[in-house]
Amino acid sequence: MSVSVVFRRVARIEFDEATEWYERQQAGLGPRFVESVQRLLDRIAEQPDSFPVVHSTVREALVQRFPYCIYYGEKSDQILVLAVFHTARDPAIWQRRT
């Protein structure tokens, strides 16, 4: 059973900024990033427990072909995306959001 996926505002901003950055680097790369993230979000919605817990109750899912992770938590019937986070950034930034 699939559950709905909701972004925290800051996570949506991170996602949008990363998409724009990739598109500026090479035409068409932004949509490929979006597609990779969307595929992963679909997997998370279908099987939220299949990714490891990395901080308290927050899970981490690695985006294919891009150095980004999605950090999320489960709230009854939805997935709450806390961060769409570049792997080179300090994880303490997203951990403060929990």
PDB file of N, CA and C in Angstrom:
ATOM      1  N   MET A   1       0.833  -1.183   0.000  1.00  0.00           N
ATOM      2  CA  MET A   1       0.000   0.000   0.000  1.00  0.00           C
ATOM      3  C   MET A   1       0.878   1.247   0.000  1.00  0.00           C
ATOM      4  N   SER A   2       0.578   2.163  -0.863  1.00  0.00           N
ATOM      5  CA  SER A   2       1.345   3.395  -0.985  1.00  0.00           C
ATOM      6  C   SER A   2       0.745   4.482  -0.093  1.00  0.00           C
ATOM      7  N   VAL A   3       1.609   5.249   0.531  1.00  0.00           N
ATOM      8  CA  VAL A   3       1.162   6.369   1.367  1.00  0.00           C
ATOM      9  C   VAL A   3       1.557   7.674   0.691  1.00  0.00           C
ATOM     10  N   SER A   4       0.961   8.773   1.115  1.00  0.00           N
ATOM     11  CA  SER A   4       1.283  10.061   0.510  1.00  0.00           C
ATOM     12  C   SER A   4       2.632  10.572   1.014  1.00  0.00           C
ATOM     13  N   VAL A   5       3.269  11.370   0.173  1.00  0.00           N
ATOM     14  CA  VAL A   5       4.568  11.952   0.501  1.00  0.00           C
ATOM     15  C   VAL A   5       4.394  13.468   0.587  1.00  0.00           C
ATOM     16  N   VAL A   6       4.830  14.042   1.717  1.00  0.00           N
ATOM     17  CA  VAL A   6       4.719  15.474   1.968  1.00  0.00           C
ATOM     18  C   VAL A   6       6.111  16.013   2.269  1.00  0.00           C
ATOM     19  N   PHE A   7       6.443  17.151   1.664  1.00  0.00           N
ATOM     20  CA  PHE A   7       7.735  17.790   1.896  1.00  0.00           C
ATOM     21  C   PHE A   7       7.603  18.880   2.953  1.00  0.00           C
ATOM     22  N   ARG A   8       8.555  18.926   3.859  1.00  0.00           N
ATOM     23  CA  ARG A   8       8.695  20.130   4.665  1.00  0.00           C
ATOM     24  C   ARG A   8       9.138  21.237   3.723  1.00  0.00           C
ATOM     25  N   ARG A   9       8.805  22.451   4.056  1.00  0.00           N
ATOM     26  CA  ARG A   9       9.107  23.585   3.168  1.00  0.00           C
ATOM     27  C   ARG A   9      10.598  23.647   2.826  1.00  0.00           C
ATOM     28  N   VAL A  10      11.459  23.502   3.814  1.00  0.00           N
ATOM     29  CA  VAL A  10      12.900  23.594   3.580  1.00  0.00           C
ATOM     30  C   VAL A  10      13.386  22.462   2.674  1.00  0.00           C
ATOM     31  N   ALA A  11      12.797  21.290   2.787  1.00  0.00           N
ATOM     32  CA  ALA A  11      13.173  20.166   1.928  1.00  0.00           C
ATOM     33  C   ALA A  11      12.761  20.446   0.486  1.00  0.00           C
ATOM     34  N   ARG A  12      11.608  21.043   0.302  1.00  0.00           N
ATOM     35  CA  ARG A  12      11.145  21.392  -1.052  1.00  0.00           C
ATOM     36  C   ARG A  12      12.068  22.434  -1.674  1.00  0.00           C
ATOM     37  N   ILE A  13      12.498  23.385  -0.876  1.00  0.00           N
ATOM     38  CA  ILE A  13      13.425  24.407  -1.367  1.00  0.00           C
ATOM     39  C   ILE A  13      14.750  23.754  -1.777  1.00  0.00           C
ATOM     40  N   GLU A  14      15.254  22.848  -0.958  1.00  0.00           N
ATOM     41  CA  GLU A  14      16.505  22.140  -1.305  1.00  0.00           C
ATOM     42  C   GLU A  14      16.357  21.381  -2.615  1.00  0.00           C
ATOM     43  N   PHE A  15      15.250  20.694  -2.763  1.00  0.00           N
ATOM     44  CA  PHE A  15      14.991  19.925  -3.971  1.00  0.00           C
ATOM     45  C   PHE A  15      14.933  20.840  -5.197  1.00  0.00           C
ATOM     46  N   ASP A  16      14.185  21.931  -5.099  1.00  0.00           N
ATOM     47  CA  ASP A  16      14.064  22.875  -6.215  1.00  0.00           C
ATOM     48  C   ASP A  16      15.410  23.518  -6.566  1.00  0.00           C
ATOM     49  N   GLU A  17      16.176  23.900  -5.547  1.00  0.00           N
ATOM     50  CA  GLU A  17      17.484  24.514  -5.798  1.00  0.00           C
ATOM     51  C   GLU A  17      18.448  23.532  -6.452  1.00  0.00           C
ATOM     52  N   ALA A  18      18.430  22.286  -6.015  1.00  0.00           N
ATOM     53  CA  ALA A  18      19.304  21.268  -6.624  1.00  0.00           C
ATOM     54  C   ALA A  18      18.910  21.038  -8.079  1.00  0.00           C
ATOM     55  N   THR A  19      17.612  20.977  -8.344  1.00  0.00           N
ATOM     56  CA  THR A  19      17.126  20.795  -9.713  1.00  0.00           C
ATOM     57  C   THR A  19      17.605  21.930 -10.605  1.00  0.00           C
ATOM     58  N   GLU A  20      17.467  23.148 -10.132  1.00  0.00           N
ATOM     59  CA  GLU A  20      17.911  24.317 -10.906  1.00  0.00           C
ATOM     60  C   GLU A  20      19.415  24.294 -11.116  1.00  0.00           C
ATOM     61  N   TRP A  21      20.167  23.916 -10.094  1.00  0.00           N
ATOM     62  CA  TRP A  21      21.626  23.868 -10.212  1.00  0.00           C
ATOM     63  C   TRP A  21      22.034  22.857 -11.283  1.00  0.00           C
ATOM     64  N   TYR A  22      21.453  21.664 -11.253  1.00  0.00           N
ATOM     65  CA  TYR A  22      21.790  20.649 -12.254  1.00  0.00           C
ATOM     66  C   TYR A  22      21.416  21.110 -13.655  1.00  0.00           C
ATOM     67  N   GLU A  23      20.300  21.778 -13.791  1.00  0.00           N
ATOM     68  CA  GLU A  23      19.891  22.252 -15.111  1.00  0.00           C
ATOM     69  C   GLU A  23      20.853  23.325 -15.636  1.00  0.00           C
ATOM     70  N   ARG A  24      21.375  24.162 -14.753  1.00  0.00           N
ATOM     71  CA  ARG A  24      22.371  25.172 -15.168  1.00  0.00           C
ATOM     72  C   ARG A  24      23.682  24.514 -15.603  1.00  0.00           C
ATOM     73  N   GLN A  25      23.994  23.364 -15.017  1.00  0.00           N
ATOM     74  CA  GLN A  25      25.238  22.678 -15.372  1.00  0.00           C
ATOM     75  C   GLN A  25      25.158  22.067 -16.762  1.00  0.00           C
ATOM     76  N   GLN A  26      23.988  21.508 -17.085  1.00  0.00           N
ATOM     77  CA  GLN A  26      23.804  20.862 -18.384  1.00  0.00           C
ATOM     78  C   GLN A  26      22.310  20.775 -18.677  1.00  0.00           C
ATOM     79  N   ALA A  27      21.917  21.237 -19.844  1.00  0.00           N
ATOM     80  CA  ALA A  27      20.508  21.186 -20.236  1.00  0.00           C
ATOM     81  C   ALA A  27      20.016  19.743 -20.172  1.00  0.00           C
ATOM     82  N   GLY A  28      18.880  19.551 -19.520  1.00  0.00           N
ATOM     83  CA  GLY A  28      18.282  18.228 -19.390  1.00  0.00           C
ATOM     84  C   GLY A  28      18.674  17.482 -18.133  1.00  0.00           C
ATOM     85  N   LEU A  29      19.717  17.950 -17.448  1.00  0.00           N
ATOM     86  CA  LEU A  29      20.157  17.259 -16.237  1.00  0.00           C
ATOM     87  C   LEU A  29      19.203  17.497 -15.067  1.00  0.00           C
ATOM     88  N   GLY A  30      18.588  18.671 -15.018  1.00  0.00           N
ATOM     89  CA  GLY A  30      17.606  18.963 -13.967  1.00  0.00           C
ATOM     90  C   GLY A  30      16.450  17.976 -13.980  1.00  0.00           C
ATOM     91  N   PRO A  31      15.817  17.773 -15.158  1.00  0.00           N
ATOM     92  CA  PRO A  31      14.733  16.790 -15.208  1.00  0.00           C
ATOM     93  C   PRO A  31      15.187  15.361 -14.881  1.00  0.00           C
ATOM     94  N   ARG A  32      16.415  15.012 -15.212  1.00  0.00           N
ATOM     95  CA  ARG A  32      16.910  13.674 -14.856  1.00  0.00           C
ATOM     96  C   ARG A  32      17.039  13.535 -13.339  1.00  0.00           C
ATOM     97  N   PHE A  33      17.475  14.615 -12.672  1.00  0.00           N
ATOM     98  CA  PHE A  33      17.540  14.613 -11.219  1.00  0.00           C
ATOM     99  C   PHE A  33      16.132  14.436 -10.638  1.00  0.00           C
ATOM    100  N   VAL A  34      15.182  15.193 -11.155  1.00  0.00           N
ATOM    101  CA  VAL A  34      13.790  15.088 -10.683  1.00  0.00           C
ATOM    102  C   VAL A  34      13.272  13.669 -10.864  1.00  0.00           C
ATOM    103  N   GLU A  35      13.554  13.066 -12.008  1.00  0.00           N
ATOM    104  CA  GLU A  35      13.103  11.702 -12.275  1.00  0.00           C
ATOM    105  C   GLU A  35      13.702  10.707 -11.279  1.00  0.00           C
ATOM    106  N   SER A  36      14.988  10.860 -10.980  1.00  0.00           N
ATOM    107  CA  SER A  36      15.637   9.963 -10.011  1.00  0.00           C
ATOM    108  C   SER A  36      15.037  10.126  -8.620  1.00  0.00           C
ATOM    109  N   VAL A  37      14.805  11.366  -8.227  1.00  0.00           N
ATOM    110  CA  VAL A  37      14.196  11.624  -6.915  1.00  0.00           C
ATOM    111  C   VAL A  37      12.779  11.063  -6.877  1.00  0.00           C
ATOM    112  N   GLN A  38      12.011  11.271  -7.947  1.00  0.00           N
ATOM    113  CA  GLN A  38      10.631  10.785  -7.967  1.00  0.00           C
ATOM    114  C   GLN A  38      10.553   9.262  -7.896  1.00  0.00           C
ATOM    115  N   ARG A  39      11.450   8.584  -8.608  1.00  0.00           N
ATOM    116  CA  ARG A  39      11.484   7.118  -8.528  1.00  0.00           C
ATOM    117  C   ARG A  39      11.737   6.662  -7.094  1.00  0.00           C
ATOM    118  N   LEU A  40      12.667   7.355  -6.433  1.00  0.00           N
ATOM    119  CA  LEU A  40      12.989   6.997  -5.051  1.00  0.00           C
ATOM    120  C   LEU A  40      11.812   7.305  -4.124  1.00  0.00           C
ATOM    121  N   LEU A  41      11.158   8.429  -4.315  1.00  0.00           N
ATOM    122  CA  LEU A  41       9.985   8.761  -3.497  1.00  0.00           C
ATOM    123  C   LEU A  41       8.879   7.732  -3.681  1.00  0.00           C
ATOM    124  N   ASP A  42       8.721   7.247  -4.901  1.00  0.00           N
ATOM    125  CA  ASP A  42       7.720   6.206  -5.153  1.00  0.00           C
ATOM    126  C   ASP A  42       8.063   4.931  -4.372  1.00  0.00           C
ATOM    127  N   ARG A  43       9.353   4.560  -4.371  1.00  0.00           N
ATOM    128  CA  ARG A  43       9.787   3.381  -3.603  1.00  0.00           C
ATOM    129  C   ARG A  43       9.560   3.579  -2.114  1.00  0.00           C
ATOM    130  N   ILE A  44       9.887   4.780  -1.632  1.00  0.00           N
ATOM    131  CA  ILE A  44       9.683   5.091  -0.212  1.00  0.00           C
ATOM    132  C   ILE A  44       8.206   4.982   0.143  1.00  0.00           C
ATOM    133  N   ALA A  45       7.332   5.524  -0.710  1.00  0.00           N
ATOM    134  CA  ALA A  45       5.892   5.486  -0.451  1.00  0.00           C
ATOM    135  C   ALA A  45       5.364   4.053  -0.424  1.00  0.00           C
ATOM    136  N   GLU A  46       5.934   3.185  -1.264  1.00  0.00           N
ATOM    137  CA  GLU A  46       5.497   1.793  -1.323  1.00  0.00           C
ATOM    138  C   GLU A  46       6.039   0.960  -0.160  1.00  0.00           C
ATOM    139  N   GLN A  47       7.299   1.208   0.201  1.00  0.00           N
ATOM    140  CA  GLN A  47       7.951   0.414   1.242  1.00  0.00           C
ATOM    141  C   GLN A  47       8.802   1.313   2.147  1.00  0.00           C
ATOM    142  N   PRO A  48       8.172   2.115   2.959  1.00  0.00           N
ATOM    143  CA  PRO A  48       8.923   3.075   3.775  1.00  0.00           C
ATOM    144  C   PRO A  48       9.913   2.442   4.747  1.00  0.00           C
ATOM    145  N   ASP A  49       9.640   1.219   5.179  1.00  0.00           N
ATOM    146  CA  ASP A  49      10.518   0.564   6.149  1.00  0.00           C
ATOM    147  C   ASP A  49      11.743  -0.096   5.520  1.00  0.00           C
ATOM    148  N   SER A  50      11.870  -0.018   4.212  1.00  0.00           N
ATOM    149  CA  SER A  50      12.974  -0.723   3.548  1.00  0.00           C
ATOM    150  C   SER A  50      14.289   0.056   3.557  1.00  0.00           C
ATOM    151  N   PHE A  51      14.283   1.258   4.083  1.00  0.00           N
ATOM    152  CA  PHE A  51      15.501   2.058   4.155  1.00  0.00           C
ATOM    153  C   PHE A  51      15.947   2.181   5.614  1.00  0.00           C
ATOM    154  N   PRO A  52      17.259   2.326   5.837  1.00  0.00           N
ATOM    155  CA  PRO A  52      17.769   2.305   7.207  1.00  0.00           C
ATOM    156  C   PRO A  52      17.444   3.563   8.022  1.00  0.00           C
ATOM    157  N   VAL A  53      17.234   3.335   9.298  1.00  0.00           N
ATOM    158  CA  VAL A  53      17.106   4.445  10.250  1.00  0.00           C
ATOM    159  C   VAL A  53      18.516   4.937  10.543  1.00  0.00           C
ATOM    160  N   VAL A  54      18.718   6.258  10.415  1.00  0.00           N
ATOM    161  CA  VAL A  54      20.062   6.813  10.611  1.00  0.00           C
ATOM    162  C   VAL A  54      20.142   7.830  11.748  1.00  0.00           C
ATOM    163  N   HIS A  55      19.000   8.299  12.208  1.00  0.00           N
ATOM    164  CA  HIS A  55      18.990   9.285  13.294  1.00  0.00           C
ATOM    165  C   HIS A  55      17.609   9.265  13.933  1.00  0.00           C
ATOM    166  N   SER A  56      17.560   8.860  15.200  1.00  0.00           N
ATOM    167  CA  SER A  56      16.290   8.768  15.918  1.00  0.00           C
ATOM    168  C   SER A  56      15.335   7.881  15.116  1.00  0.00           C
ATOM    169  N   THR A  57      14.276   8.453  14.543  1.00  0.00           N
ATOM    170  CA  THR A  57      13.346   7.675  13.716  1.00  0.00           C
ATOM    171  C   THR A  57      13.430   8.054  12.241  1.00  0.00           C
ATOM    172  N   VAL A  58      14.441   8.824  11.882  1.00  0.00           N
ATOM    173  CA  VAL A  58      14.600   9.309  10.504  1.00  0.00           C
ATOM    174  C   VAL A  58      15.326   8.260   9.661  1.00  0.00           C
ATOM    175  N   ARG A  59      14.788   8.046   8.467  1.00  0.00           N
ATOM    176  CA  ARG A  59      15.379   7.090   7.523  1.00  0.00           C
ATOM    177  C   ARG A  59      16.097   7.839   6.397  1.00  0.00           C
ATOM    178  N   GLU A  60      17.037   7.124   5.778  1.00  0.00           N
ATOM    179  CA  GLU A  60      17.853   7.702   4.709  1.00  0.00           C
ATOM    180  C   GLU A  60      17.742   6.845   3.451  1.00  0.00           C
ATOM    181  N   ALA A  61      17.507   7.513   2.310  1.00  0.00           N
ATOM    182  CA  ALA A  61      17.452   6.818   1.028  1.00  0.00           C
ATOM    183  C   ALA A  61      18.343   7.577   0.045  1.00  0.00           C
ATOM    184  N   LEU A  62      19.246   6.855  -0.597  1.00  0.00           N
ATOM    185  CA  LEU A  62      20.210   7.458  -1.517  1.00  0.00           C
ATOM    186  C   LEU A  62      19.620   7.548  -2.917  1.00  0.00           C
ATOM    187  N   VAL A  63      19.719   8.733  -3.509  1.00  0.00           N
ATOM    188  CA  VAL A  63      19.237   8.973  -4.871  1.00  0.00           C
ATOM    189  C   VAL A  63      20.232   8.363  -5.857  1.00  0.00           C
ATOM    190  N   GLN A  64      19.730   7.576  -6.807  1.00  0.00           N
ATOM    191  CA  GLN A  64      20.612   6.957  -7.802  1.00  0.00           C
ATOM    192  C   GLN A  64      21.202   8.008  -8.738  1.00  0.00           C
ATOM    193  N   ARG A  65      22.500   7.842  -9.032  1.00  0.00           N
ATOM    194  CA  ARG A  65      23.261   8.660  -9.986  1.00  0.00           C
ATOM    195  C   ARG A  65      23.518  10.103  -9.550  1.00  0.00           C
ATOM    196  N   PHE A  66      23.048  10.488  -8.383  1.00  0.00           N
ATOM    197  CA  PHE A  66      23.269  11.851  -7.887  1.00  0.00           C
ATOM    198  C   PHE A  66      23.694  11.764  -6.419  1.00  0.00           C
ATOM    199  N   PRO A  67      24.576  12.667  -5.986  1.00  0.00           N
ATOM    200  CA  PRO A  67      25.063  12.612  -4.598  1.00  0.00           C
ATOM    201  C   PRO A  67      24.093  13.261  -3.603  1.00  0.00           C
ATOM    202  N   TYR A  68      22.879  12.757  -3.591  1.00  0.00           N
ATOM    203  CA  TYR A  68      21.838  13.282  -2.710  1.00  0.00           C
ATOM    204  C   TYR A  68      21.173  12.145  -1.955  1.00  0.00           C
ATOM    205  N   CYS A  69      20.725  12.464  -0.752  1.00  0.00           N
ATOM    206  CA  CYS A  69      19.933  11.541   0.046  1.00  0.00           C
ATOM    207  C   CYS A  69      18.612  12.215   0.387  1.00  0.00           C
ATOM    208  N   ILE A  70      17.611  11.385   0.551  1.00  0.00           N
ATOM    209  CA  ILE A  70      16.327  11.857   1.057  1.00  0.00           C
ATOM    210  C   ILE A  70      16.226  11.360   2.493  1.00  0.00           C
ATOM    211  N   TYR A  71      15.974  12.287   3.402  1.00  0.00           N
ATOM    212  CA  TYR A  71      15.774  11.957   4.808  1.00  0.00           C
ATOM    213  C   TYR A  71      14.292  12.149   5.108  1.00  0.00           C
ATOM    214  N   TYR A  72      13.692  11.135   5.703  1.00  0.00           N
ATOM    215  CA  TYR A  72      12.251  11.187   5.895  1.00  0.00           C
ATOM    216  C   TYR A  72      11.843  10.452   7.167  1.00  0.00           C
ATOM    217  N   GLY A  73      10.646  10.777   7.593  1.00  0.00           N
ATOM    218  CA  GLY A  73      10.039  10.095   8.725  1.00  0.00           C
ATOM    219  C   GLY A  73       8.639   9.658   8.347  1.00  0.00           C
ATOM    220  N   GLU A  74       8.083   8.757   9.121  1.00  0.00           N
ATOM    221  CA  GLU A  74       6.736   8.265   8.878  1.00  0.00           C
ATOM    222  C   GLU A  74       5.790   8.863   9.907  1.00  0.00           C
ATOM    223  N   LYS A  75       4.675   9.349   9.418  1.00  0.00           N
ATOM    224  CA  LYS A  75       3.628   9.885  10.289  1.00  0.00           C
ATOM    225  C   LYS A  75       2.319   9.241   9.870  1.00  0.00           C
ATOM    226  N   SER A  76       1.826   8.322  10.651  1.00  0.00           N
ATOM    227  CA  SER A  76       0.600   7.546  10.395  1.00  0.00           C
ATOM    228  C   SER A  76       0.475   7.155   8.924  1.00  0.00           C
ATOM    229  N   ASP A  77      -0.257   7.920   8.136  1.00  0.00           N
ATOM    230  CA  ASP A  77      -0.515   7.521   6.753  1.00  0.00           C
ATOM    231  C   ASP A  77       0.235   8.378   5.733  1.00  0.00           C
ATOM    232  N   GLN A  78       1.360   8.974   6.153  1.00  0.00           N
ATOM    233  CA  GLN A  78       2.135   9.765   5.204  1.00  0.00           C
ATOM    234  C   GLN A  78       3.626   9.718   5.513  1.00  0.00           C
ATOM    235  N   ILE A  79       4.400  10.055   4.492  1.00  0.00           N
ATOM    236  CA  ILE A  79       5.849  10.190   4.605  1.00  0.00           C
ATOM    237  C   ILE A  79       6.151  11.671   4.655  1.00  0.00           C
ATOM    238  N   LEU A  80       6.932  12.085   5.638  1.00  0.00           N
ATOM    239  CA  LEU A  80       7.332  13.481   5.754  1.00  0.00           C
ATOM    240  C   LEU A  80       8.803  13.594   5.359  1.00  0.00           C
ATOM    241  N   VAL A  81       9.068  14.263   4.232  1.00  0.00           N
ATOM    242  CA  VAL A  81      10.429  14.463   3.756  1.00  0.00           C
ATOM    243  C   VAL A  81      11.024  15.650   4.517  1.00  0.00           C
ATOM    244  N   LEU A  82      12.082  15.359   5.276  1.00  0.00           N
ATOM    245  CA  LEU A  82      12.745  16.388   6.081  1.00  0.00           C
ATOM    246  C   LEU A  82      13.824  17.113   5.305  1.00  0.00           C
ATOM    247  N   ALA A  83      14.482  16.385   4.375  1.00  0.00           N
ATOM    248  CA  ALA A  83      15.598  16.975   3.640  1.00  0.00           C
ATOM    249  C   ALA A  83      15.836  16.230   2.336  1.00  0.00           C
ATOM    250  N   VAL A  84      16.225  16.982   1.324  1.00  0.00           N
ATOM    251  CA  VAL A  84      16.787  16.450   0.084  1.00  0.00           C
ATOM    252  C   VAL A  84      18.190  17.027   0.095  1.00  0.00           C
ATOM    253  N   PHE A  85      19.143  16.214   0.510  1.00  0.00           N
ATOM    254  CA  PHE A  85      20.394  16.725   1.049  1.00  0.00           C
ATOM    255  C   PHE A  85      21.612  16.201   0.301  1.00  0.00           C
ATOM    256  N   HIS A  86      22.491  17.106  -0.108  1.00  0.00           N
ATOM    257  CA  HIS A  86      23.741  16.715  -0.768  1.00  0.00           C
ATOM    258  C   HIS A  86      24.605  15.967   0.246  1.00  0.00           C
ATOM    259  N   THR A  87      25.192  14.870  -0.187  1.00  0.00           N
ATOM    260  CA  THR A  87      25.941  14.009   0.727  1.00  0.00           C
ATOM    261  C   THR A  87      27.210  14.648   1.278  1.00  0.00           C
ATOM    262  N   ALA A  88      27.696  15.731   0.656  1.00  0.00           N
ATOM    263  CA  ALA A  88      28.906  16.395   1.145  1.00  0.00           C
ATOM    264  C   ALA A  88      28.612  17.428   2.240  1.00  0.00           C
ATOM    265  N   ARG A  89      27.334  17.738   2.456  1.00  0.00           N
ATOM    266  CA  ARG A  89      26.978  18.723   3.480  1.00  0.00           C
ATOM    267  C   ARG A  89      27.021  18.099   4.874  1.00  0.00           C
ATOM    268  N   ASP A  90      27.132  18.944   5.856  1.00  0.00           N
ATOM    269  CA  ASP A  90      27.175  18.515   7.257  1.00  0.00           C
ATOM    270  C   ASP A  90      25.804  17.970   7.672  1.00  0.00           C
ATOM    271  N   PRO A  91      25.715  16.706   8.058  1.00  0.00           N
ATOM    272  CA  PRO A  91      24.420  16.127   8.418  1.00  0.00           C
ATOM    273  C   PRO A  91      23.775  16.777   9.639  1.00  0.00           C
ATOM    274  N   ALA A  92      24.538  17.467  10.432  1.00  0.00           N
ATOM    275  CA  ALA A  92      23.955  18.155  11.597  1.00  0.00           C
ATOM    276  C   ALA A  92      22.890  19.150  11.160  1.00  0.00           C
ATOM    277  N   ILE A  93      22.988  19.660   9.939  1.00  0.00           N
ATOM    278  CA  ILE A  93      22.006  20.625   9.428  1.00  0.00           C
ATOM    279  C   ILE A  93      20.621  19.997   9.357  1.00  0.00           C
ATOM    280  N   TRP A  94      20.505  18.836   8.716  1.00  0.00           N
ATOM    281  CA  TRP A  94      19.182  18.219   8.612  1.00  0.00           C
ATOM    282  C   TRP A  94      18.770  17.583   9.939  1.00  0.00           C
ATOM    283  N   GLN A  95      19.734  17.155  10.743  1.00  0.00           N
ATOM    284  CA  GLN A  95      19.390  16.508  12.018  1.00  0.00           C
ATOM    285  C   GLN A  95      18.708  17.469  12.971  1.00  0.00           C
ATOM    286  N   ARG A  96      18.984  18.743  12.848  1.00  0.00           N
ATOM    287  CA  ARG A  96      18.325  19.739  13.695  1.00  0.00           C
ATOM    288  C   ARG A  96      16.841  19.889  13.345  1.00  0.00           C
ATOM    289  N   ARG A  97      16.420  19.355  12.225  1.00  0.00           N
ATOM    290  CA  ARG A  97      15.035  19.465  11.784  1.00  0.00           C
ATOM    291  C   ARG A  97      14.127  18.407  12.404  1.00  0.00           C
ATOM    292  N   THR A  98      14.713  17.456  13.091  1.00  0.00           N
ATOM    293  CA  THR A  98      13.888  16.371  13.639  1.00  0.00           C
ATOM    294  C   THR A  98      13.230  16.753  14.935  1.00  0.00           C
TER     295      THR A  98
END
